[in-house]
Amino acid sequence: MEQVTNKDYGLPPKETLILEEYREQHIVFEKLLRIVKRIASINQAEIHETSLSRFLSVFASFGFKTLGNIDRLIKRDSEDAYQLANTDLDIINSSLGVISLCAVHVLKQGGGMLELTRFLEDLNGASANNKHRAEGLLRVAQNLSFMKK
């Protein structure tokens, strides 16, 4: 059983999670996957499954310390994330919805190109592709209603 410690993700000891328990509950991961499942069902796309546990460090960097924090993010921003992630690809990665959810959070917190690039670097490591992807996210987001408020 893999344990996530405060050292690994900056979580305080009382918020330490055991990933196996987290996976068994499926509650938050299922909610995170609903965004991409919605896109896949509309486009009849195949979903390529990948682990979403790599997002735990990103959520911790956002200051989210509990599953409740992530659950509130999903409830607040999932519709905007769906609009940002909407694509017509035949095969989509299961992390697409979570990436879009995180990008929406960054933008709603007043972030822009630099902050989107940092988020992608936190997630993927340093790469020139992160800036290109951040540009694409920002370009699509600028046409969505949450950016015009």
Protein backbone atom coordinates (compact mmCIF):
# COMPACT_ATOMS: atom_id res chain seq x y z
CA MET A 1 0.00 0.00 0.00
CA GLU A 2 1.49 3.34 -1.08
CA GLN A 3 1.23 6.08 1.51
CA VAL A 4 1.21 9.76 0.69
CA THR A 5 2.98 11.65 3.42
CA ASN A 6 3.21 15.30 4.25
CA LYS A 7 6.83 15.19 3.03
CA ASP A 8 5.74 13.92 -0.42
CA TYR A 9 3.01 16.47 -1.07
CA GLY A 10 3.28 19.15 1.58
CA LEU A 11 0.18 17.90 3.37
CA PRO A 12 -0.01 18.32 7.15
CA PRO A 13 0.22 15.05 9.14
CA LYS A 14 -3.47 15.05 10.09
CA GLU A 15 -4.34 15.24 6.39
CA THR A 16 -2.12 12.33 5.35
CA LEU A 17 -3.90 9.99 2.97
CA ILE A 18 -3.37 6.34 2.14
CA LEU A 19 -3.83 6.15 -1.61
CA GLU A 20 -5.35 2.68 -1.50
CA GLU A 21 -8.16 3.94 0.75
CA TYR A 22 -8.53 6.96 -1.51
CA ARG A 23 -8.86 4.72 -4.57
CA GLU A 24 -11.26 2.32 -2.84
CA GLN A 25 -13.70 5.10 -2.11
CA HIS A 26 -13.64 6.29 -5.73
CA ILE A 27 -15.68 9.31 -4.72
CA VAL A 28 -13.39 12.17 -5.65
CA PHE A 29 -11.65 10.35 -8.51
CA GLU A 30 -15.04 9.47 -10.01
CA LYS A 31 -16.13 13.09 -9.78
CA LEU A 32 -12.89 14.15 -11.45
CA LEU A 33 -13.44 11.61 -14.23
CA ARG A 34 -17.03 12.70 -14.88
CA ILE A 35 -15.81 15.71 -16.85
CA VAL A 36 -13.83 13.58 -19.28
CA LYS A 37 -16.55 10.90 -19.40
CA ARG A 38 -19.05 13.58 -20.40
CA ILE A 39 -16.79 14.73 -23.24
CA ALA A 40 -16.17 11.13 -24.33
CA SER A 41 -19.89 10.29 -24.37
CA ILE A 42 -20.76 13.28 -26.54
CA ASN A 43 -17.93 12.59 -28.99
CA GLN A 44 -18.11 8.80 -28.67
CA ALA A 45 -14.42 8.92 -27.83
CA GLU A 46 -12.32 6.29 -26.18
CA ILE A 47 -10.75 7.21 -22.82
CA HIS A 48 -7.11 6.32 -22.27
CA GLU A 49 -6.88 5.69 -18.51
CA THR A 50 -3.98 7.24 -16.59
CA SER A 51 -3.37 7.68 -12.89
CA LEU A 52 -4.76 10.84 -11.39
CA SER A 53 -2.65 10.54 -8.23
CA ARG A 54 -0.01 12.81 -9.78
CA PHE A 55 -2.49 15.66 -9.28
CA LEU A 56 -2.26 15.37 -5.49
CA SER A 57 0.87 17.52 -5.42
CA VAL A 58 -0.82 20.08 -7.70
CA PHE A 59 -3.85 20.23 -5.40
CA ALA A 60 -1.51 20.66 -2.43
CA SER A 61 0.23 23.54 -4.25
CA PHE A 62 -3.22 25.16 -4.61
CA GLY A 63 -3.53 24.98 -0.81
CA PHE A 64 -6.04 22.13 -0.87
CA LYS A 65 -5.45 19.99 2.20
CA THR A 66 -8.49 17.73 2.22
CA LEU A 67 -10.70 15.81 -0.16
CA GLY A 68 -13.43 18.30 0.78
CA ASN A 69 -11.37 21.10 -0.78
CA ILE A 70 -11.11 19.13 -4.02
CA ASP A 71 -14.80 18.23 -3.90
CA ARG A 72 -15.75 21.93 -3.58
CA LEU A 73 -13.48 22.75 -6.54
CA ILE A 74 -15.25 20.11 -8.63
CA LYS A 75 -18.70 21.42 -7.68
CA ARG A 76 -17.71 25.03 -8.36
CA ASP A 77 -15.71 24.67 -11.57
CA SER A 78 -16.60 21.41 -13.34
CA GLU A 79 -18.97 23.02 -15.87
CA ASP A 80 -16.32 25.58 -16.85
CA ALA A 81 -13.70 22.82 -17.01
CA TYR A 82 -15.97 20.80 -19.30
CA GLN A 83 -16.28 23.77 -21.65
CA LEU A 84 -12.52 24.33 -21.60
CA ALA A 85 -11.78 20.65 -22.25
CA ASN A 86 -14.39 20.10 -24.94
CA THR A 87 -12.69 18.44 -27.88
CA ASP A 88 -13.55 16.32 -30.89
CA LEU A 89 -10.69 13.84 -30.53
CA ASP A 90 -11.41 10.12 -30.89
CA ILE A 91 -9.15 9.15 -27.99
CA ILE A 92 -8.79 11.35 -24.91
CA ASN A 93 -6.66 11.01 -21.83
CA SER A 94 -8.49 10.56 -18.52
CA SER A 95 -6.48 13.46 -17.09
CA LEU A 96 -7.95 15.94 -19.60
CA GLY A 97 -10.82 16.90 -17.31
CA VAL A 98 -8.56 17.37 -14.29
CA ILE A 99 -6.09 19.46 -16.25
CA SER A 100 -8.98 21.65 -17.41
CA LEU A 101 -10.37 21.86 -13.87
CA CYS A 102 -6.98 23.00 -12.55
CA ALA A 103 -6.57 25.49 -15.41
CA VAL A 104 -10.00 26.98 -14.64
CA HIS A 105 -9.01 27.28 -10.97
CA VAL A 106 -5.75 29.05 -11.89
CA LEU A 107 -7.59 31.48 -14.17
CA LYS A 108 -10.37 32.19 -11.67
CA GLN A 109 -7.71 32.99 -9.07
CA GLY A 110 -6.47 35.76 -11.37
CA GLY A 111 -3.70 33.76 -13.00
CA GLY A 112 -2.69 34.10 -16.61
CA MET A 113 -0.11 32.69 -18.99
CA LEU A 114 2.70 32.53 -16.42
CA GLU A 115 0.58 30.79 -13.77
CA LEU A 116 -0.84 28.29 -16.28
CA THR A 117 2.68 27.47 -17.41
CA ARG A 118 3.79 27.00 -13.78
CA PHE A 119 0.84 24.69 -13.11
CA LEU A 120 1.74 22.58 -16.15
CA GLU A 121 5.40 22.50 -15.08
CA ASP A 122 4.37 21.36 -11.60
CA LEU A 123 2.37 18.61 -13.25
CA ASN A 124 4.65 17.57 -16.13
CA GLY A 125 8.09 18.88 -15.26
CA ALA A 126 9.96 21.54 -17.21
CA SER A 127 9.26 21.44 -20.94
CA ALA A 128 8.85 23.92 -23.78
CA ASN A 129 5.55 22.17 -24.51
CA ASN A 130 4.08 23.56 -21.26
CA LYS A 131 4.15 27.12 -22.57
CA HIS A 132 2.55 26.06 -25.84
CA ARG A 133 -0.17 24.15 -23.99
CA ALA A 134 -0.76 27.09 -21.62
CA GLU A 135 -1.19 29.37 -24.65
CA GLY A 136 -3.80 27.00 -26.06
CA LEU A 137 -5.69 26.78 -22.75
CA LEU A 138 -5.70 30.55 -22.40
CA ARG A 139 -6.83 31.08 -26.00
CA VAL A 140 -9.82 28.74 -25.54
CA ALA A 141 -10.63 30.07 -22.05
CA GLN A 142 -10.80 33.68 -23.24
CA ASN A 143 -13.95 32.81 -25.16
CA LEU A 144 -15.71 31.20 -22.20
CA SER A 145 -18.21 32.95 -19.96
CA PHE A 146 -16.22 32.62 -16.72
CA MET A 147 -13.43 34.75 -18.23
CA LYS A 148 -15.81 37.52 -19.20
CA LYS A 149 -17.11 38.16 -15.70
